[in-house]
Amino acid sequence: MEKASFPLMNSHVRQILRFIVVGMSAVAVDCLLYFILIPNLDPNIAKLISYICGMIIAFLLNKYWTFEKKQHTIIQFYKFTLLYVSTLGVNVGVNFFILTHISSITLVGFTIATAASTIINFTIQKWWVFKK
């Protein structure tokens, strides 16, 4: 590998690794709250609440740590919120579809829904929300 491309490669790898750590943290919050709320709420409402809490964690950690955007701009927050509202629909929809048509195992629906929204979120955050 050429020396000039190595720092760029490190930057991308670092972002991916940090995004994974942030994602795991946000998913842990999401999952914990989901399973705390689900005995008392409709699964879709529980998922909505837990997802929003995970979203807040993800915004803060991705902005300041993963993508290292220190400036304070409301535009990033609006873009991030628009993205997460969009992927919230994907997340809840996939969760609902899995639970009603494929498996009644809550963890299966949660995992597949989370994977779908994660792929969308990284791609759009990198190239639109926090782009340089």
Protein backbone atom coordinates (compact mmCIF):
# COMPACT_ATOMS: atom_id res chain seq x y z
CA MET A 1 0.00 0.00 0.00
CA GLU A 2 1.20 3.48 -0.79
CA LYS A 3 2.09 5.67 2.15
CA ALA A 4 -0.24 8.47 0.94
CA SER A 5 -3.36 6.26 0.98
CA PHE A 6 -2.62 4.69 4.36
CA PRO A 7 -3.92 7.63 6.50
CA LEU A 8 -7.14 7.67 4.46
CA MET A 9 -7.53 3.94 5.02
CA ASN A 10 -6.95 4.40 8.74
CA SER A 11 -9.57 7.15 8.84
CA HIS A 12 -12.22 4.92 7.23
CA VAL A 13 -11.34 1.92 9.37
CA ARG A 14 -11.38 4.08 12.50
CA GLN A 15 -14.81 5.47 11.57
CA ILE A 16 -16.21 2.01 10.96
CA LEU A 17 -14.82 0.66 14.24
CA ARG A 18 -16.09 3.68 16.17
CA PHE A 19 -19.49 3.44 14.46
CA ILE A 20 -19.69 -0.20 15.56
CA VAL A 21 -18.85 0.72 19.18
CA VAL A 22 -21.37 3.60 19.13
CA GLY A 23 -23.92 1.35 17.50
CA MET A 24 -23.42 -1.33 20.12
CA SER A 25 -23.88 1.28 22.85
CA ALA A 26 -27.03 2.67 21.24
CA VAL A 27 -28.38 -0.84 20.63
CA ALA A 28 -27.67 -1.77 24.24
CA VAL A 29 -29.74 1.21 25.39
CA ASP A 30 -32.43 0.37 22.80
CA CYS A 31 -32.53 -3.32 23.74
CA LEU A 32 -32.47 -2.78 27.49
CA LEU A 33 -35.29 -0.26 27.37
CA TYR A 34 -37.27 -2.39 24.90
CA PHE A 35 -37.22 -5.42 27.20
CA ILE A 36 -37.98 -3.28 30.25
CA LEU A 37 -40.98 -1.66 28.53
CA ILE A 38 -42.40 -4.62 26.60
CA PRO A 39 -44.17 -6.30 29.56
CA ASN A 40 -46.26 -3.15 30.07
CA LEU A 41 -46.59 -1.69 26.57
CA ASP A 42 -47.51 -2.76 23.06
CA PRO A 43 -44.28 -4.04 21.41
CA ASN A 44 -44.46 -1.31 18.75
CA ILE A 45 -44.74 1.47 21.34
CA ALA A 46 -41.95 -0.08 23.40
CA LYS A 47 -39.78 -0.25 20.26
CA LEU A 48 -40.55 3.37 19.38
CA ILE A 49 -39.50 4.65 22.81
CA SER A 50 -36.39 2.49 23.03
CA TYR A 51 -35.33 3.42 19.51
CA ILE A 52 -35.59 7.15 20.19
CA CYS A 53 -33.42 6.82 23.30
CA GLY A 54 -30.83 4.87 21.31
CA MET A 55 -31.01 7.55 18.62
CA ILE A 56 -30.05 10.31 21.06
CA ILE A 57 -27.04 8.30 22.26
CA ALA A 58 -26.03 7.57 18.66
CA PHE A 59 -26.23 11.23 17.57
CA LEU A 60 -24.02 12.52 20.35
CA LEU A 61 -21.40 9.79 20.11
CA ASN A 62 -21.29 9.71 16.31
CA LYS A 63 -21.10 13.48 15.96
CA TYR A 64 -18.33 14.06 18.47
CA TRP A 65 -16.43 10.76 18.39
CA THR A 66 -17.03 8.71 15.21
CA PHE A 67 -17.10 11.56 12.68
CA GLU A 68 -15.32 14.10 14.93
CA LYS A 69 -17.57 17.05 14.13
CA LYS A 70 -16.88 19.51 16.92
CA GLN A 71 -18.71 22.50 15.49
CA HIS A 72 -22.19 23.17 16.79
CA THR A 73 -24.67 23.11 13.95
CA ILE A 74 -28.37 22.56 14.06
CA ILE A 75 -28.32 21.38 10.44
CA GLN A 76 -26.54 18.16 11.43
CA PHE A 77 -29.12 17.53 14.11
CA TYR A 78 -31.98 18.11 11.64
CA LYS A 79 -30.39 15.80 9.07
CA PHE A 80 -29.71 13.16 11.71
CA THR A 81 -33.27 13.41 13.02
CA LEU A 82 -34.70 13.16 9.50
CA LEU A 83 -32.55 10.10 8.87
CA TYR A 84 -33.52 8.47 12.17
CA VAL A 85 -37.22 9.21 11.72
CA SER A 86 -36.99 7.56 8.30
CA THR A 87 -35.09 4.56 9.59
CA LEU A 88 -37.41 4.41 12.61
CA GLY A 89 -40.14 3.50 10.13
CA VAL A 90 -37.88 0.83 8.65
CA ASN A 91 -36.93 -0.45 12.11
CA VAL A 92 -40.47 -0.66 13.49
CA GLY A 93 -41.82 -1.98 10.18
CA VAL A 94 -39.22 -4.74 9.93
CA ASN A 95 -39.72 -5.62 13.61
CA PHE A 96 -43.50 -5.82 13.07
CA PHE A 97 -43.15 -7.87 9.88
CA ILE A 98 -40.75 -10.37 11.47
CA LEU A 99 -42.87 -10.77 14.62
CA THR A 100 -46.12 -11.26 12.70
CA HIS A 101 -44.96 -13.25 9.67
CA ILE A 102 -41.67 -15.01 10.35
CA SER A 103 -40.93 -15.52 14.04
CA SER A 104 -42.69 -14.71 17.28
CA ILE A 105 -39.31 -14.62 19.04
CA THR A 106 -38.87 -11.00 20.10
CA LEU A 107 -35.08 -11.08 19.88
CA VAL A 108 -35.23 -12.25 16.25
CA GLY A 109 -37.42 -9.31 15.24
CA PHE A 110 -35.29 -6.89 17.22
CA THR A 111 -32.03 -8.16 15.69
CA ILE A 112 -33.18 -8.10 12.08
CA ALA A 113 -34.83 -4.68 12.49
CA THR A 114 -31.66 -3.29 14.05
CA ALA A 115 -29.44 -4.70 11.30
CA ALA A 116 -31.59 -3.15 8.56
CA SER A 117 -31.59 0.31 10.11
CA THR A 118 -27.85 0.14 10.96
CA ILE A 119 -26.77 -0.36 7.36
CA ILE A 120 -28.91 2.56 6.22
CA ASN A 121 -27.79 4.79 9.10
CA PHE A 122 -24.02 4.37 8.60
CA THR A 123 -24.21 5.00 4.88
CA ILE A 124 -26.34 8.14 5.14
CA GLN A 125 -24.49 9.54 8.17
CA LYS A 126 -21.12 9.17 6.48
CA TRP A 127 -22.09 10.65 3.14
CA TRP A 128 -24.77 13.19 4.09
CA VAL A 129 -25.22 14.04 7.78
CA PHE A 130 -21.57 14.34 8.82
CA LYS A 131 -19.83 14.65 5.46
CA LYS A 132 -16.77 16.86 5.26
